[in-house]
């Protein structure tokens, strides 16, 4: 059971790292958008580019979280014998 707890703790830490990086990147992108809002064409290009990047980063974060959930579920089944 200790092995399962270790895996759960590691998964929880990894999820926190993933979503903290996602939040930090979003905050940085917001700062870039605000800094470039006074330049007409650059502002539009920057906003479109950062929205696309935001969507891609969100999809990547969700996929990584789902992969970690599957890994934790497999470990739970292995430890508890639920095959």
Protein backbone atom coordinates (compact mmCIF):
# COMPACT_ATOMS: atom_id res chain seq x y z
CA UNK A 1 0.00 0.00 0.00
CA UNK A 2 2.97 2.28 0.61
CA UNK A 3 3.94 1.95 -3.05
CA UNK A 4 0.51 3.17 -4.13
CA UNK A 5 0.71 6.15 -1.77
CA UNK A 6 4.11 7.07 -3.21
CA UNK A 7 2.72 6.93 -6.73
CA UNK A 8 -0.30 9.03 -5.75
CA UNK A 9 1.96 11.64 -4.14
CA UNK A 10 4.19 11.77 -7.21
CA UNK A 11 1.17 12.13 -9.50
CA UNK A 12 -0.25 14.91 -7.34
CA UNK A 13 3.07 16.80 -7.43
CA UNK A 14 3.37 16.39 -11.20
CA UNK A 15 -0.18 17.66 -11.73
CA UNK A 16 0.59 20.67 -9.57
CA UNK A 17 3.72 21.38 -11.64
CA UNK A 18 1.79 21.09 -14.90
CA UNK A 19 -1.01 23.41 -13.87
CA UNK A 20 1.33 25.88 -12.12
CA UNK A 21 3.36 26.14 -15.34
CA UNK A 22 0.12 26.61 -17.30
CA UNK A 23 -1.04 29.38 -14.97
CA UNK A 24 2.38 31.07 -14.99
CA UNK A 25 2.51 30.98 -18.79
CA UNK A 26 -0.99 32.46 -18.97
CA UNK A 27 0.04 35.25 -16.62
CA UNK A 28 3.12 35.99 -18.75
CA UNK A 29 1.02 35.97 -21.94
CA UNK A 30 -1.43 38.38 -20.31
CA UNK A 31 1.47 40.70 -19.45
CA UNK A 32 2.75 40.58 -23.04
CA UNK A 33 -0.73 41.35 -24.36
CA UNK A 34 -1.14 44.31 -22.04
CA UNK A 35 2.34 45.62 -22.88
CA UNK A 36 1.66 45.52 -26.64
CA UNK A 37 -1.89 46.87 -26.61
CA UNK A 38 -0.88 50.38 -27.73
CA UNK A 39 0.78 49.23 -30.96
CA UNK A 40 -2.04 48.68 -33.48
CA UNK A 41 -1.06 45.80 -35.78
CA UNK A 42 1.34 44.21 -33.32
CA UNK A 43 -1.41 44.08 -30.73
CA UNK A 44 -3.77 42.16 -33.01
CA UNK A 45 -1.10 39.75 -34.19
CA UNK A 46 0.14 39.20 -30.64
CA UNK A 47 -3.35 38.57 -29.28
CA UNK A 48 -4.22 36.06 -32.00
CA UNK A 49 -0.88 34.30 -31.58
CA UNK A 50 -1.21 34.12 -27.79
CA UNK A 51 -4.80 32.87 -27.96
CA UNK A 52 -3.70 30.04 -30.25
CA UNK A 53 -0.78 29.25 -27.95
CA UNK A 54 -3.09 29.34 -24.93
CA UNK A 55 -5.43 26.81 -26.51
CA UNK A 56 -2.51 24.54 -27.47
CA UNK A 57 -1.00 24.77 -23.97
CA UNK A 58 -4.38 24.00 -22.41
CA UNK A 59 -4.83 20.92 -24.59
CA UNK A 60 -1.31 19.76 -23.73
CA UNK A 61 -1.86 20.26 -19.99
CA UNK A 62 -5.15 18.34 -20.07
CA UNK A 63 -3.57 15.49 -22.03
CA UNK A 64 -0.64 15.27 -19.58
CA UNK A 65 -3.05 15.29 -16.63
CA UNK A 66 -5.12 12.53 -18.22
CA UNK A 67 -1.98 10.46 -18.81
CA UNK A 68 -1.03 10.86 -15.15
CA UNK A 69 -4.55 9.82 -14.12
CA UNK A 70 -4.26 6.68 -16.24
CA UNK A 71 -0.87 5.91 -14.69
CA UNK A 72 -2.27 6.30 -11.17
CA UNK A 73 -5.27 4.15 -12.04
CA UNK A 74 -3.03 1.40 -13.39
CA UNK A 75 -0.94 1.53 -10.22
CA UNK A 76 -4.06 1.32 -8.09
CA UNK A 77 -5.26 -1.72 -10.01
CA UNK A 78 -1.83 -3.31 -9.71
CA UNK A 79 -1.65 -2.75 -5.95
CA UNK A 80 -5.23 -3.71 -5.20
CA UNK A 81 -5.34 -6.56 -7.69
CA UNK A 82 -8.29 -5.19 -9.69
CA UNK A 83 -7.45 -6.48 -13.13
